[in-house]
Structure formats: structure tokens, C-alpha cells
N, C-alpha and C. Protein backbone atom coordinates (compact mmCIF):
# COMPACT_ATOMS: atom_id res chain seq x y z
N MET A 1 23.15 -54.85 43.40
CA MET A 1 22.00 -54.23 42.78
C MET A 1 20.84 -55.22 42.80
N ILE A 2 19.69 -54.79 43.23
CA ILE A 2 18.51 -55.64 43.28
C ILE A 2 17.61 -55.28 42.11
N THR A 3 17.25 -56.30 41.35
CA THR A 3 16.36 -56.07 40.21
C THR A 3 15.04 -56.77 40.46
N ASN A 4 14.02 -56.41 39.68
CA ASN A 4 12.71 -57.03 39.82
C ASN A 4 12.78 -58.52 39.55
N SER A 5 13.70 -58.95 38.67
CA SER A 5 13.79 -60.36 38.33
C SER A 5 14.25 -61.21 39.52
N GLN A 6 14.94 -60.59 40.50
CA GLN A 6 15.42 -61.34 41.65
C GLN A 6 14.29 -61.82 42.55
N PHE A 7 13.14 -61.18 42.50
CA PHE A 7 12.05 -61.59 43.37
C PHE A 7 11.52 -62.96 42.98
N SER A 8 11.69 -63.37 41.72
CA SER A 8 11.20 -64.66 41.28
C SER A 8 12.33 -65.68 41.10
N GLU A 9 13.55 -65.31 41.47
CA GLU A 9 14.69 -66.20 41.30
C GLU A 9 14.72 -67.25 42.41
N THR A 10 15.17 -68.43 42.02
CA THR A 10 15.35 -69.49 43.00
C THR A 10 16.58 -69.16 43.85
N PRO A 11 16.69 -69.78 45.01
CA PRO A 11 17.88 -69.55 45.83
C PRO A 11 19.18 -69.90 45.08
N ARG A 12 19.14 -70.91 44.23
CA ARG A 12 20.33 -71.31 43.46
C ARG A 12 20.72 -70.20 42.47
N ILE A 13 19.74 -69.62 41.80
CA ILE A 13 20.01 -68.54 40.86
C ILE A 13 20.55 -67.31 41.61
N GLN A 14 19.99 -67.03 42.77
CA GLN A 14 20.48 -65.91 43.58
C GLN A 14 21.93 -66.13 43.99
N GLU A 15 22.26 -67.38 44.34
CA GLU A 15 23.64 -67.73 44.72
C GLU A 15 24.58 -67.53 43.52
N MET A 16 24.14 -67.97 42.34
CA MET A 16 24.96 -67.80 41.14
C MET A 16 25.11 -66.32 40.79
N ARG A 17 24.06 -65.52 41.01
CA ARG A 17 24.14 -64.07 40.74
C ARG A 17 25.19 -63.44 41.65
N LYS A 18 25.20 -63.80 42.93
CA LYS A 18 26.18 -63.26 43.87
C LYS A 18 27.59 -63.62 43.42
N THR A 19 27.77 -64.86 42.97
CA THR A 19 29.08 -65.30 42.48
C THR A 19 29.49 -64.48 41.26
N ALA A 20 28.57 -64.26 40.34
CA ALA A 20 28.86 -63.46 39.14
C ALA A 20 29.21 -62.03 39.52
N GLN A 21 28.50 -61.46 40.49
CA GLN A 21 28.79 -60.09 40.94
C GLN A 21 30.17 -60.01 41.58
N LYS A 22 30.54 -61.03 42.35
CA LYS A 22 31.87 -61.04 42.97
C LYS A 22 32.96 -61.10 41.90
N LEU A 23 32.74 -61.90 40.86
CA LEU A 23 33.71 -61.99 39.78
C LEU A 23 33.82 -60.67 39.04
N GLU A 24 32.69 -60.04 38.76
CA GLU A 24 32.72 -58.74 38.08
C GLU A 24 33.39 -57.69 38.96
N THR A 25 33.16 -57.73 40.26
CA THR A 25 33.80 -56.78 41.18
C THR A 25 35.31 -56.98 41.18
N THR A 26 35.75 -58.23 41.18
CA THR A 26 37.19 -58.52 41.12
C THR A 26 37.79 -57.96 39.83
N PHE A 27 37.09 -58.17 38.72
CA PHE A 27 37.53 -57.64 37.44
C PHE A 27 37.63 -56.12 37.49
N ALA A 28 36.59 -55.46 38.00
CA ALA A 28 36.58 -54.00 38.07
C ALA A 28 37.68 -53.48 38.98
N THR A 29 37.93 -54.17 40.08
CA THR A 29 39.00 -53.78 41.01
C THR A 29 40.34 -53.81 40.31
N GLU A 30 40.60 -54.88 39.59
CA GLU A 30 41.87 -55.01 38.89
C GLU A 30 42.01 -53.96 37.78
N MET A 31 40.91 -53.64 37.11
CA MET A 31 40.93 -52.61 36.08
C MET A 31 41.27 -51.25 36.69
N LEU A 32 40.67 -50.95 37.84
CA LEU A 32 40.94 -49.67 38.50
C LEU A 32 42.39 -49.60 38.98
N LYS A 33 42.90 -50.71 39.52
CA LYS A 33 44.30 -50.74 39.96
C LYS A 33 45.23 -50.53 38.78
N ALA A 34 44.95 -51.18 37.65
CA ALA A 34 45.78 -51.04 36.45
C ALA A 34 45.75 -49.61 35.93
N ALA A 35 44.63 -48.93 36.13
CA ALA A 35 44.51 -47.54 35.70
C ALA A 35 45.19 -46.57 36.65
N GLY A 36 45.65 -47.08 37.79
CA GLY A 36 46.36 -46.23 38.75
C GLY A 36 45.50 -45.61 39.81
N VAL A 37 44.25 -46.01 39.90
CA VAL A 37 43.37 -45.47 40.92
C VAL A 37 43.85 -45.95 42.29
N GLY A 38 44.02 -45.03 43.21
CA GLY A 38 44.41 -45.37 44.57
C GLY A 38 45.90 -45.42 44.81
N LYS A 39 46.71 -45.15 43.79
CA LYS A 39 48.16 -45.17 43.97
C LYS A 39 48.64 -43.91 44.67
N GLN A 40 49.69 -44.06 45.45
CA GLN A 40 50.29 -42.91 46.12
C GLN A 40 51.09 -42.11 45.10
N PHE A 41 51.05 -40.81 45.21
CA PHE A 41 51.73 -39.96 44.24
C PHE A 41 53.08 -39.43 44.72
N SER A 42 53.40 -39.59 45.98
CA SER A 42 54.70 -39.11 46.46
C SER A 42 55.37 -40.19 47.30
N SER A 43 56.69 -40.09 47.38
CA SER A 43 57.44 -41.08 48.16
C SER A 43 57.28 -40.85 49.66
N MET A 44 56.74 -39.72 50.05
CA MET A 44 56.54 -39.42 51.47
C MET A 44 55.06 -39.48 51.82
N GLY A 45 54.37 -40.46 51.27
CA GLY A 45 52.93 -40.61 51.50
C GLY A 45 52.62 -41.11 52.89
N GLY A 46 51.47 -41.68 53.04
CA GLY A 46 50.98 -42.13 54.34
C GLY A 46 51.47 -43.49 54.77
N GLY A 47 52.36 -44.09 54.02
CA GLY A 47 52.92 -45.37 54.42
C GLY A 47 51.99 -46.53 54.15
N ILE A 48 52.24 -47.62 54.87
CA ILE A 48 51.50 -48.86 54.62
C ILE A 48 50.01 -48.72 54.97
N GLY A 49 49.69 -47.91 55.95
CA GLY A 49 48.29 -47.70 56.31
C GLY A 49 47.51 -47.07 55.17
N GLU A 50 48.12 -46.09 54.53
CA GLU A 50 47.47 -45.44 53.40
C GLU A 50 47.32 -46.43 52.24
N GLU A 51 48.32 -47.25 52.03
CA GLU A 51 48.27 -48.24 50.95
C GLU A 51 47.13 -49.23 51.18
N GLN A 52 46.98 -49.68 52.40
CA GLN A 52 45.92 -50.63 52.71
C GLN A 52 44.55 -49.99 52.57
N LEU A 53 44.40 -48.78 53.04
CA LEU A 53 43.12 -48.09 52.94
C LEU A 53 42.77 -47.75 51.49
N SER A 54 43.78 -47.38 50.69
CA SER A 54 43.50 -47.07 49.29
C SER A 54 43.07 -48.32 48.54
N SER A 55 43.62 -49.46 48.90
CA SER A 55 43.20 -50.72 48.29
C SER A 55 41.74 -51.02 48.62
N PHE A 56 41.36 -50.75 49.86
CA PHE A 56 39.97 -50.93 50.28
C PHE A 56 39.06 -49.96 49.53
N LEU A 57 39.51 -48.72 49.37
CA LEU A 57 38.73 -47.72 48.66
C LEU A 57 38.52 -48.14 47.20
N VAL A 58 39.56 -48.64 46.55
CA VAL A 58 39.43 -49.08 45.16
C VAL A 58 38.41 -50.21 45.06
N GLU A 59 38.44 -51.14 46.00
CA GLU A 59 37.47 -52.24 45.99
C GLU A 59 36.05 -51.72 46.19
N MET A 60 35.87 -50.75 47.07
CA MET A 60 34.55 -50.17 47.29
C MET A 60 34.06 -49.42 46.04
N GLN A 61 34.98 -48.73 45.36
CA GLN A 61 34.62 -48.05 44.12
C GLN A 61 34.20 -49.07 43.06
N ALA A 62 34.92 -50.18 42.98
CA ALA A 62 34.58 -51.23 42.02
C ALA A 62 33.21 -51.83 42.35
N THR A 63 32.94 -52.04 43.62
CA THR A 63 31.64 -52.58 44.04
C THR A 63 30.51 -51.62 43.64
N ALA A 64 30.72 -50.33 43.84
CA ALA A 64 29.71 -49.34 43.46
C ALA A 64 29.49 -49.34 41.96
N MET A 65 30.56 -49.49 41.20
CA MET A 65 30.44 -49.54 39.73
C MET A 65 29.63 -50.76 39.30
N VAL A 66 29.91 -51.90 39.90
CA VAL A 66 29.19 -53.13 39.55
C VAL A 66 27.72 -53.01 39.95
N ASP A 67 27.46 -52.47 41.13
CA ASP A 67 26.08 -52.29 41.58
C ASP A 67 25.29 -51.38 40.64
N ALA A 68 26.00 -50.42 40.02
CA ALA A 68 25.37 -49.50 39.08
C ALA A 68 25.25 -50.09 37.67
N GLY A 69 25.83 -51.29 37.49
CA GLY A 69 25.75 -51.93 36.17
C GLY A 69 26.74 -51.38 35.16
N ALA A 70 27.87 -50.86 35.63
CA ALA A 70 28.84 -50.20 34.77
C ALA A 70 29.33 -51.06 33.61
N PHE A 71 29.66 -52.31 33.88
CA PHE A 71 30.18 -53.18 32.84
C PHE A 71 29.11 -54.11 32.27
N GLY A 72 28.17 -54.49 33.10
CA GLY A 72 27.12 -55.40 32.65
C GLY A 72 27.55 -56.84 32.54
N LEU A 73 28.66 -57.17 33.16
CA LEU A 73 29.17 -58.54 33.07
C LEU A 73 28.39 -59.52 33.93
N THR A 74 27.80 -59.05 35.00
CA THR A 74 27.09 -59.94 35.92
C THR A 74 26.03 -60.75 35.20
N GLU A 75 25.21 -60.10 34.40
CA GLU A 75 24.13 -60.81 33.70
C GLU A 75 24.68 -61.81 32.69
N THR A 76 25.74 -61.43 31.98
CA THR A 76 26.35 -62.33 31.01
C THR A 76 26.95 -63.55 31.72
N LEU A 77 27.65 -63.29 32.82
CA LEU A 77 28.23 -64.39 33.59
C LEU A 77 27.14 -65.28 34.17
N LEU A 78 26.08 -64.67 34.68
CA LEU A 78 24.97 -65.43 35.25
C LEU A 78 24.35 -66.35 34.21
N GLN A 79 24.09 -65.81 33.02
CA GLN A 79 23.49 -66.64 31.96
C GLN A 79 24.42 -67.80 31.59
N SER A 80 25.72 -67.55 31.58
CA SER A 80 26.68 -68.62 31.29
C SER A 80 26.67 -69.69 32.38
N LEU A 81 26.60 -69.26 33.64
CA LEU A 81 26.54 -70.21 34.75
C LEU A 81 25.27 -71.06 34.69
N ILE A 82 24.16 -70.42 34.39
CA ILE A 82 22.89 -71.16 34.28
C ILE A 82 22.96 -72.17 33.14
N LYS A 83 23.50 -71.74 32.01
CA LYS A 83 23.61 -72.63 30.85
C LYS A 83 24.51 -73.82 31.16
N MET A 84 25.64 -73.56 31.82
CA MET A 84 26.55 -74.66 32.19
C MET A 84 25.89 -75.63 33.15
N GLU A 85 25.16 -75.10 34.12
CA GLU A 85 24.50 -75.97 35.09
C GLU A 85 23.42 -76.82 34.41
N ASN A 86 22.69 -76.22 33.49
CA ASN A 86 21.64 -76.97 32.76
C ASN A 86 22.25 -78.05 31.88
N GLN A 87 23.41 -77.79 31.29
CA GLN A 87 24.09 -78.78 30.45
C GLN A 87 24.60 -79.95 31.28
N ASN A 88 24.98 -79.66 32.52
CA ASN A 88 25.48 -80.71 33.41
C ASN A 88 24.37 -81.49 34.07
N GLY A 89 23.13 -81.08 33.85
CA GLY A 89 21.98 -81.81 34.37
C GLY A 89 21.74 -81.68 35.85
N GLU A 90 22.24 -80.64 36.44
CA GLU A 90 22.05 -80.47 37.89
C GLU A 90 20.73 -79.83 38.20
């Protein structure tokens, strides 16, 4: 998701934002998997190919949720990363 604030962000802040988005996407992916999204419902499903594609689909769904701001963790994580970097004097 691109926000107006990104136009004035330094390259370092943009890098930290991408890292925060990746972490939030990983979190959302695991939440969707735990909820059973993408699981096969029968023992005669599509086999390993279907399993691999459903895993990809769940990750894409999680990415879309993060891009839409579903959890809002990216901004919280970004602020924490900035604060930690400022404390370390970098």
C-alpha cells in the first residue's frame, strides 16, 4: 500500500516499511492457515499440486489484506523499528 507519507520518506524508512509489511504478511498468512483457509476438504483432492497452489493463494490473500490495512500492524512495527534505530544511534 502506498501512502502520501511515503513520498517524503527516506530510503531507510522505506526499507523498514517493506520489512514491517513482510512481517505483517507472514503473520496474516499464518493466521489464515490456522483458520483453515486453503485446506483441502476431501482425501481425493488435487494432490500436492493443489496443496502448493493453495499455499500460494493463502499468501496472496494475506498480502491483499495487509495492503488494505486489515490489521494495521505495519505502522506499529515501523514506528518500533524507527524508535529502536534512533536509540541505537544509527
